């Protein structure tokens, strides 16, 4: 459960950081938006180091499924765009892949 919370927090930090840059460059917001953006991206990187795993690449790969799912919720709740069934189907496949990477018996 701790790992899921870390992944969720990391995803929100990464999406928030990237969205700050998106807001500055694509939505015409003030350049000062990059300051919280950088802070959130640093927090994201730090949070992933808290996952107990001997292989960083495996953590990053499994995190991708969580990230995609959280991004769909961001689309819905922050940007106000209702995800369609294909968004949800894609997210489910990504979560299945993340579960396989995390919980399969690795040699």
Foldseek 3Di string as FASTA:
>chain_A
DVLLVLLLLLLVLQVQLVVLVCCVPPVVDDPCSNVSSVVSNVSSVVSLVPDDDPDSVLSVQLSVLVNLVVVQVCCCPVVVDHDDPVSVVVSVVSNVVSCCSPPPDDD
